Protein backbone atom coordinates (compact mmCIF):
# COMPACT_ATOMS: atom_id res chain seq x y z
CA UNK A 1 29.64 32.08 96.52
CA UNK A 2 28.22 34.75 94.18
CA UNK A 3 28.05 34.76 90.39
CA UNK A 4 28.07 37.86 88.16
CA UNK A 5 27.71 38.44 84.43
CA UNK A 6 30.70 40.52 83.32
CA UNK A 7 32.51 42.15 80.43
CA UNK A 8 31.27 42.28 76.86
CA UNK A 9 27.81 40.89 77.55
CA UNK A 10 27.07 43.72 79.99
CA UNK A 11 28.60 46.33 77.68
CA UNK A 12 26.72 45.23 74.57
CA UNK A 13 23.45 44.89 76.46
CA UNK A 14 23.75 48.54 77.51
CA UNK A 15 24.56 49.50 73.90
CA UNK A 16 21.48 47.58 72.69
CA UNK A 17 23.72 45.34 70.62
CA UNK A 18 23.32 41.57 70.22
CA UNK A 19 25.01 39.58 73.01
CA UNK A 20 26.77 36.67 71.30
CA UNK A 21 28.50 35.14 74.32
CA UNK A 22 28.37 35.52 78.07
CA UNK A 23 31.21 35.38 80.59
CA UNK A 24 30.77 35.00 84.33
CA UNK A 25 32.86 35.77 87.41
CA UNK A 26 32.53 33.72 90.57
CA UNK A 27 33.34 35.37 93.92
CA UNK A 28 33.81 33.70 97.29
CA UNK A 29 34.94 30.20 96.35
CA UNK A 30 37.94 28.21 95.14
CA UNK A 31 39.01 25.64 92.57
CA UNK A 32 38.11 22.60 94.65
CA UNK A 33 34.58 23.83 95.30
CA UNK A 34 34.03 24.57 91.61
CA UNK A 35 35.14 21.04 90.72
CA UNK A 36 32.81 19.58 93.35
CA UNK A 37 29.89 21.40 91.69
CA UNK A 38 30.65 19.75 88.32
CA UNK A 39 32.45 22.65 86.62
CA UNK A 40 35.22 21.55 84.24
CA UNK A 41 38.55 23.42 84.46
CA UNK A 42 39.85 24.69 81.10
CA UNK A 43 42.21 27.55 81.97
CA UNK A 44 45.95 26.92 81.86
CA UNK A 45 47.02 30.38 83.00
CA UNK A 46 43.84 31.42 84.84
CA UNK A 47 41.20 29.54 86.89
CA UNK A 48 38.47 29.24 84.26
CA UNK A 49 35.74 26.60 84.19
CA UNK A 50 32.95 25.45 81.90
CA UNK A 51 29.42 25.24 83.29
CA UNK A 52 28.24 21.59 83.40
CA UNK A 53 24.98 22.40 81.56
CA UNK A 54 25.45 25.57 79.46
CA UNK A 55 29.15 25.22 78.61
CA UNK A 56 29.65 28.94 79.31
CA UNK A 57 32.87 30.16 80.91
CA UNK A 58 33.00 30.89 84.63
CA UNK A 59 36.20 32.42 85.99
CA UNK A 60 37.17 32.78 89.61
CA UNK A 61 37.63 36.40 90.65
CA UNK A 62 41.34 37.12 90.51
CA UNK A 63 44.05 39.72 90.83
CA UNK A 64 47.27 39.80 88.84
CA UNK A 65 50.79 40.95 89.58
CA UNK A 66 53.25 41.75 86.84
CA UNK A 67 56.18 39.32 86.97
CA UNK A 68 57.72 39.57 83.50
CA UNK A 69 57.38 41.02 80.01
CA UNK A 70 54.57 40.59 77.54
CA UNK A 71 51.08 39.15 77.68
CA UNK A 72 51.92 36.16 79.88
CA UNK A 73 54.20 37.76 82.46
CA UNK A 74 51.79 37.67 85.41
CA UNK A 75 51.38 36.00 88.77
CA UNK A 76 47.69 35.24 89.41
CA UNK A 77 45.89 35.22 92.77
CA UNK A 78 42.42 33.62 92.71
CA UNK A 79 41.65 32.96 96.36
CA UNK A 80 38.15 33.05 97.81
CA UNK A 81 38.65 36.46 99.44
CA UNK A 82 39.14 38.36 96.13
CA UNK A 83 36.27 40.83 95.69
CA UNK A 84 34.33 41.62 92.55
CA UNK A 85 35.69 45.19 92.58
CA UNK A 86 39.27 43.87 92.71
CA UNK A 87 38.56 41.58 89.76
CA UNK A 88 37.01 44.38 87.70
CA UNK A 89 39.93 46.70 88.50
CA UNK A 90 42.36 44.49 86.55
CA UNK A 91 40.31 44.72 83.34
CA UNK A 92 41.32 46.83 80.35
CA UNK A 93 38.60 49.41 79.68
CA UNK A 94 35.93 50.91 81.92
CA UNK A 95 33.23 49.80 79.47
CA UNK A 96 34.46 46.22 79.98
CA UNK A 97 34.68 46.54 83.78
CA UNK A 98 30.99 46.40 84.59
CA UNK A 99 29.07 43.49 86.10
CA UNK A 100 25.47 42.45 86.56
CA UNK A 101 23.97 40.44 89.42
CA UNK A 102 21.71 37.47 88.87
CA UNK A 103 18.81 39.87 89.58
CA UNK A 104 19.90 42.24 86.79
CA UNK A 105 21.43 44.96 89.02
CA UNK A 106 24.31 46.83 87.37
CA UNK A 107 27.58 47.07 89.32
CA UNK A 108 29.78 49.80 87.87
CA UNK A 109 32.54 50.88 90.27
CA UNK A 110 34.73 52.48 87.55
CA UNK A 111 32.10 54.55 85.68
CA UNK A 112 31.90 52.39 82.59
CA UNK A 113 28.33 53.47 81.92
CA UNK A 114 29.41 57.12 81.86
CA UNK A 115 32.09 56.30 79.30
CA UNK A 116 29.56 54.38 77.21
CA UNK A 117 27.40 57.48 77.10
CA UNK A 118 30.43 59.68 76.38
CA UNK A 119 31.58 57.21 73.69
CA UNK A 120 35.04 56.90 75.24
CA UNK A 121 37.46 53.99 75.37
CA UNK A 122 39.22 54.67 78.68
CA UNK A 123 41.53 52.42 80.71
CA UNK A 124 40.39 51.36 84.16
CA UNK A 125 43.65 51.81 86.08
CA UNK A 126 47.41 52.22 85.59
CA UNK A 127 47.61 48.40 85.61
CA UNK A 128 46.50 48.66 81.96
CA UNK A 129 50.17 49.27 81.12
CA UNK A 130 51.19 45.84 82.40
CA UNK A 131 49.70 44.02 79.41
CA UNK A 132 50.90 45.16 75.95
CA UNK A 133 48.18 43.14 74.21
CA UNK A 134 45.77 45.79 75.43
CA UNK A 135 47.21 48.24 72.91
CA UNK A 136 45.87 46.02 70.14
CA UNK A 137 42.61 45.37 71.99
CA UNK A 138 41.88 49.09 72.32
CA UNK A 139 42.60 49.57 68.63
CA UNK A 140 40.26 46.68 67.84
CA UNK A 141 37.47 48.12 69.99
CA UNK A 142 37.97 51.46 68.25
CA UNK A 143 37.46 49.67 64.90
CA UNK A 144 34.33 47.95 66.23
CA UNK A 145 32.62 50.99 67.75
CA UNK A 146 33.88 53.84 65.58
CA UNK A 147 30.57 53.98 63.69
CA UNK A 148 28.84 54.61 67.03
CA UNK A 149 31.08 57.60 67.71
CA UNK A 150 33.62 56.00 70.05
CA UNK A 151 37.15 57.38 70.34
CA UNK A 152 40.16 56.55 72.50
CA UNK A 153 40.43 58.78 75.58
CA UNK A 154 43.42 61.13 75.47
CA UNK A 155 44.91 59.75 78.69
CA UNK A 156 44.58 56.18 77.41
CA UNK A 157 46.29 57.06 74.15
CA UNK A 158 49.09 58.73 76.11
CA UNK A 159 49.50 55.58 78.21
CA UNK A 160 49.58 53.41 75.09
CA UNK A 161 52.36 55.59 73.69
CA UNK A 162 54.33 55.14 76.90
CA UNK A 163 53.91 51.37 76.66
CA UNK A 164 55.19 51.38 73.08
CA UNK A 165 58.15 53.57 74.00
CA UNK A 166 58.97 51.23 76.90
CA UNK A 167 59.31 48.37 74.41
CA UNK A 168 56.52 46.22 75.86
CA UNK A 169 54.83 45.66 72.49
CA UNK A 170 57.98 43.99 71.19
CA UNK A 171 57.44 41.09 73.61
CA UNK A 172 54.09 40.07 72.11
CA UNK A 173 54.17 36.60 70.54
CA UNK A 174 53.03 36.05 66.97
CA UNK A 175 49.93 34.05 67.87
CA UNK A 176 48.55 36.83 70.07
CA UNK A 177 49.26 39.53 67.52
CA UNK A 178 47.64 37.56 64.71
CA UNK A 179 44.57 36.79 66.83
CA UNK A 180 43.95 40.50 67.44
CA UNK A 181 44.80 41.55 63.87
CA UNK A 182 42.55 38.90 62.33
CA UNK A 183 39.65 39.89 64.57
CA UNK A 184 40.18 43.61 63.95
CA UNK A 185 40.19 43.17 60.17
CA UNK A 186 36.62 41.87 60.27
CA UNK A 187 35.30 44.79 62.36
CA UNK A 188 33.10 47.48 60.72
CA UNK A 189 35.99 49.97 60.38
CA UNK A 190 39.29 48.05 60.10
CA UNK A 191 41.10 51.17 58.91
CA UNK A 192 40.51 52.70 62.36
CA UNK A 193 42.45 49.80 63.89
CA UNK A 194 45.47 50.81 61.81
CA UNK A 195 45.02 54.51 62.57
CA UNK A 196 44.99 53.90 66.34
CA UNK A 197 48.11 51.72 66.11
CA UNK A 198 49.81 54.49 64.12
CA UNK A 199 48.82 57.18 66.59
CA UNK A 200 50.36 55.35 69.54
CA UNK A 201 53.45 54.25 67.59
CA UNK A 202 52.72 50.52 67.64
CA UNK A 203 52.31 50.13 63.86
CA UNK A 204 55.99 50.86 63.26
CA UNK A 205 56.84 47.91 65.50
CA UNK A 206 54.13 45.43 64.51
CA UNK A 207 53.91 46.22 60.79
CA UNK A 208 56.73 48.58 59.75
CA UNK A 209 56.22 47.61 56.11
CA UNK A 210 52.83 49.37 56.21
CA UNK A 211 54.04 52.28 58.35
CA UNK A 212 56.61 52.99 55.63
CA UNK A 213 53.84 53.67 53.09
CA UNK A 214 52.54 56.80 54.82
CA UNK A 215 53.98 59.87 53.17
CA UNK A 216 54.92 57.99 49.99
CA UNK A 217 53.30 59.77 47.00
CA UNK A 218 51.50 58.18 44.05
CA UNK A 219 50.46 59.73 40.70
CA UNK A 220 47.41 61.96 41.41
CA UNK A 221 45.90 60.91 38.07
CA UNK A 222 45.38 57.39 39.42
CA UNK A 223 45.34 58.21 43.12
CA UNK A 224 43.64 61.51 44.00
CA UNK A 225 44.45 60.82 47.68
CA UNK A 226 48.18 60.73 46.67
CA UNK A 227 49.47 59.23 49.95
CA UNK A 228 50.04 55.46 49.61
CA UNK A 229 49.24 54.70 53.23
CA UNK A 230 45.97 56.59 52.98
CA UNK A 231 45.13 54.64 49.84
CA UNK A 232 45.62 51.34 51.67
CA UNK A 233 43.27 52.47 54.45
CA UNK A 234 40.65 53.61 51.91
CA UNK A 235 40.89 50.24 50.16
CA UNK A 236 40.67 48.43 53.48
CA UNK A 237 37.54 50.37 54.39
CA UNK A 238 36.03 49.57 50.98
CA UNK A 239 36.80 45.84 51.06
CA UNK A 240 34.07 43.33 52.03
CA UNK A 241 34.20 42.18 55.66
CA UNK A 242 35.95 38.89 54.97
CA UNK A 243 39.31 38.21 56.58
CA UNK A 244 41.13 36.76 53.51
CA UNK A 245 40.14 39.72 51.33
CA UNK A 246 40.92 42.41 53.87
CA UNK A 247 44.24 40.84 54.84
CA UNK A 248 45.30 40.75 51.18
CA UNK A 249 44.23 44.39 50.74
CA UNK A 250 46.20 45.38 53.83
CA UNK A 251 49.43 44.09 52.28
CA UNK A 252 48.88 44.58 48.55
CA UNK A 253 51.01 47.72 48.09
CA UNK A 254 53.92 47.06 50.47
CA UNK A 255 56.35 47.21 47.55
CA UNK A 256 55.72 50.94 47.14
CA UNK A 257 57.66 51.50 50.34
CA UNK A 258 60.80 50.38 48.48
CA UNK A 259 60.48 52.75 45.50
CA UNK A 260 63.61 54.93 45.08
CA UNK A 261 62.99 58.62 45.71
CA UNK A 262 64.21 59.59 42.25
CA UNK A 263 61.42 57.62 40.52
CA UNK A 264 58.52 58.88 42.68
CA UNK A 265 55.59 59.19 42.31
CA UNK A 266 55.85 56.31 39.80
CA UNK A 267 56.10 52.81 41.29
CA UNK A 268 57.17 50.59 38.41
CA UNK A 269 57.66 47.00 39.55
CA UNK A 270 56.21 47.51 43.01
CA UNK A 271 54.15 44.32 42.67
CA UNK A 272 57.15 41.98 42.47
CA UNK A 273 59.10 44.09 44.94
CA UNK A 274 56.31 43.67 47.47
CA UNK A 275 56.12 39.87 47.38
CA UNK A 276 59.10 39.24 49.73
CA UNK A 277 57.66 41.78 52.16
CA UNK A 278 54.28 40.05 52.16
CA UNK A 279 56.01 36.72 52.72
CA UNK A 280 57.96 38.19 55.63
CA UNK A 281 54.81 39.51 57.32
CA UNK A 282 53.03 36.19 56.91
CA UNK A 283 55.99 34.31 58.37
CA UNK A 284 56.25 36.75 61.27
CA UNK A 285 52.57 36.40 62.16
CA UNK A 286 52.34 32.72 61.17
CA UNK A 287 49.26 33.35 59.11
CA UNK A 288 47.22 30.44 57.65
CA UNK A 289 48.56 29.10 54.34
CA UNK A 290 45.49 30.05 52.30
CA UNK A 291 45.59 33.66 53.51
CA UNK A 292 49.31 33.81 52.73
CA UNK A 293 48.79 32.46 49.20
CA UNK A 294 46.00 34.95 48.51
CA UNK A 295 47.97 37.92 49.88
CA UNK A 296 50.98 37.03 47.73
CA UNK A 297 48.76 36.60 44.67
CA UNK A 298 47.03 39.94 45.14
CA UNK A 299 50.36 41.70 45.66
CA UNK A 300 51.83 40.11 42.52
CA UNK A 301 48.87 40.43 40.17
CA UNK A 302 46.61 43.31 41.24
CA UNK A 303 47.80 45.48 38.33
CA UNK A 304 47.11 42.58 35.96
CA UNK A 305 43.54 42.66 37.20
CA UNK A 306 43.24 46.42 36.71
CA UNK A 307 44.62 46.11 33.15
CA UNK A 308 42.70 42.93 32.35
CA UNK A 309 41.27 44.20 29.04
CA UNK A 310 44.79 45.13 27.84
CA UNK A 311 46.30 41.72 28.59
CA UNK A 312 46.89 39.00 26.01
CA UNK A 313 44.91 35.79 26.60
CA UNK A 314 48.23 34.01 27.22
CA UNK A 315 49.03 36.43 30.06
CA UNK A 316 45.59 35.98 31.60
CA UNK A 317 46.05 32.20 31.47
CA UNK A 318 49.45 32.53 33.13
CA UNK A 319 47.88 34.55 35.95
CA UNK A 320 45.08 32.00 36.35
CA UNK A 321 47.66 29.22 36.62
CA UNK A 322 49.78 31.14 39.10
CA UNK A 323 46.76 31.80 41.32
CA UNK A 324 45.72 28.13 41.05
CA UNK A 325 42.35 29.50 40.03
CA UNK A 326 41.13 26.41 38.19
CA UNK A 327 41.43 24.26 41.28
CA UNK A 328 40.65 27.00 43.79
CA UNK A 329 37.82 29.16 42.44
CA UNK A 330 37.16 30.60 45.93
CA UNK A 331 40.72 31.97 46.02
CA UNK A 332 40.24 33.59 42.62
CA UNK A 333 36.95 35.12 43.76
CA UNK A 334 38.70 36.62 46.81
CA UNK A 335 41.48 37.85 44.52
CA UNK A 336 38.92 39.70 42.39
CA UNK A 337 37.25 41.22 45.46
CA UNK A 338 40.58 42.45 46.81
CA UNK A 339 41.52 44.00 43.47
CA UNK A 340 38.13 45.71 43.25
CA UNK A 341 38.66 47.18 46.72
CA UNK A 342 42.06 48.44 45.58
CA UNK A 343 40.50 50.08 42.53
CA UNK A 344 37.75 51.73 44.55
CA UNK A 345 39.88 52.64 47.55
CA UNK A 346 40.73 56.02 46.08
CA UNK A 347 39.45 59.44 47.00
CA UNK A 348 36.27 60.19 45.05
CA UNK A 349 36.35 56.87 43.16
CA UNK A 350 34.59 54.69 45.72
CA UNK A 351 31.69 53.95 43.36
CA UNK A 352 33.58 53.61 40.10
CA UNK A 353 32.65 50.82 37.69
CA UNK A 354 34.99 47.84 37.73
CA UNK A 355 33.99 45.50 34.86
CA UNK A 356 37.31 43.66 35.13
CA UNK A 357 35.79 41.41 37.81
CA UNK A 358 33.06 40.05 35.53
CA UNK A 359 35.47 39.69 32.62
CA UNK A 360 38.11 37.74 34.53
CA UNK A 361 35.47 35.62 36.25
CA UNK A 362 34.13 34.68 32.80
CA UNK A 363 37.67 34.04 31.54
CA UNK A 364 38.35 31.63 34.41
CA UNK A 365 35.06 29.82 33.84
CA UNK A 366 35.80 29.46 30.13
CA UNK A 367 39.26 28.07 30.84
CA UNK A 368 37.85 25.72 33.46
CA UNK A 369 35.31 24.35 30.99
CA UNK A 370 38.14 23.01 28.81
CA UNK A 371 38.93 19.50 30.08
CA UNK A 372 41.40 16.79 29.13
CA UNK A 373 38.89 14.10 28.11
CA UNK A 374 38.27 15.26 24.53
CA UNK A 375 41.96 15.88 23.94
CA UNK A 376 42.85 12.42 25.22
CA UNK A 377 40.40 10.97 22.67
CA UNK A 378 42.31 12.89 20.00
CA UNK A 379 45.48 11.06 21.06
CA UNK A 380 47.17 13.67 23.22
CA UNK A 381 49.11 12.44 26.24
CA UNK A 382 51.94 13.42 28.57
CA UNK A 383 53.54 16.80 27.99
CA UNK A 384 51.70 17.26 24.69
CA UNK A 385 48.38 16.87 26.48
CA UNK A 386 49.32 19.68 28.87
CA UNK A 387 50.37 21.91 25.98
CA UNK A 388 47.15 21.21 24.10
CA UNK A 389 45.09 21.97 27.21
CA UNK A 390 46.88 25.29 27.56
CA UNK A 391 46.26 26.18 23.89
CA UNK A 392 42.55 25.39 24.10
CA UNK A 393 42.13 27.32 27.32
CA UNK A 394 43.89 30.34 25.83
CA UNK A 395 41.51 30.12 22.83
CA UNK A 396 38.55 30.04 25.20
CA UNK A 397 39.83 33.11 27.03
CA UNK A 398 40.42 34.90 23.70
CA UNK A 399 36.78 34.26 22.73
CA UNK A 400 35.57 35.73 26.03
CA UNK A 401 37.75 38.78 25.48
CA UNK A 402 36.44 39.25 21.93
CA UNK A 403 32.86 39.06 23.18
CA UNK A 404 33.55 41.69 25.90
CA UNK A 405 35.35 44.07 23.53
CA UNK A 406 32.64 43.68 20.90
């Protein structure tokens, strides 16, 4: 029985990056022996165990044989005679197919260290094509390491295209897609994730609503980059590295893909037109309810945010109510951050001032400060109490607006 450190921990150690978790491969033993040593089995599809003291994952060395479509269509062999090299051969990228002995010796049968130095994301073997989830994983790694100069190897990109053309990506289940998308959106360069998916053809299958935005023009006066898809990627790159904000930014302009050709480059009404598309994406990926609510709100009201100083106090109050901002201030804060990313995600305007955020934040706080207690003392109740609350909150917002304009 031999134990090796494998995968991301070895890769990130060689890149001088922080190692956040460690995975281990065990060679020369079987399930029964692992149980007898106190390891707890946790893997349903694969023989994975938790160490009795550290809680880290230890997997038996294994090989896999394709037996169906999608991520789960494999027959696994994890007998004691599987070698470390055989286990590493089934992994996705050469930079993830390195191991380290307990003495710190590097084992690198597939030249992962060379590809680290060359800044290449290259598949280990043709078996890469058996798992369509790897298309998303490569795109995610590209988003993570782009700032270090990493690119996808030409032969790997060609193989990913073949996988897409063969229809394998269509068999991915929603939970797996969302897991990769949600992780990729928090990487340093989430726009690169989308670019890689576009280049191999997977975006048109996984998120056709976004693919449809590329090539759609916008007024150059507001969007010097012109192309709507490029604007979304600029906004995504500008957005803070928080999943709710970046997910909302990713979907905020989907309605522009429905604009009739004869009205281009104007996109009147694209906000409302985009809401059903955002809802469809969220249903398809089974996204968390709070992320869905925020994405819909940003799609519906991002132009309201941009035009905040032009809006009547009544309209601002209506938006605050619709976003449930009085009860959910964190959602409203994420809404403002997403709208700011939209405003700055434009060629040459990355550092523009965006005072709308401070104004609307103050407007929400002023409305929130108006409570029912004083109105109840004045005799208001029932529907009249609600109407009086609304009137007082609108007055409070009007005062904030007057102070900002003055």
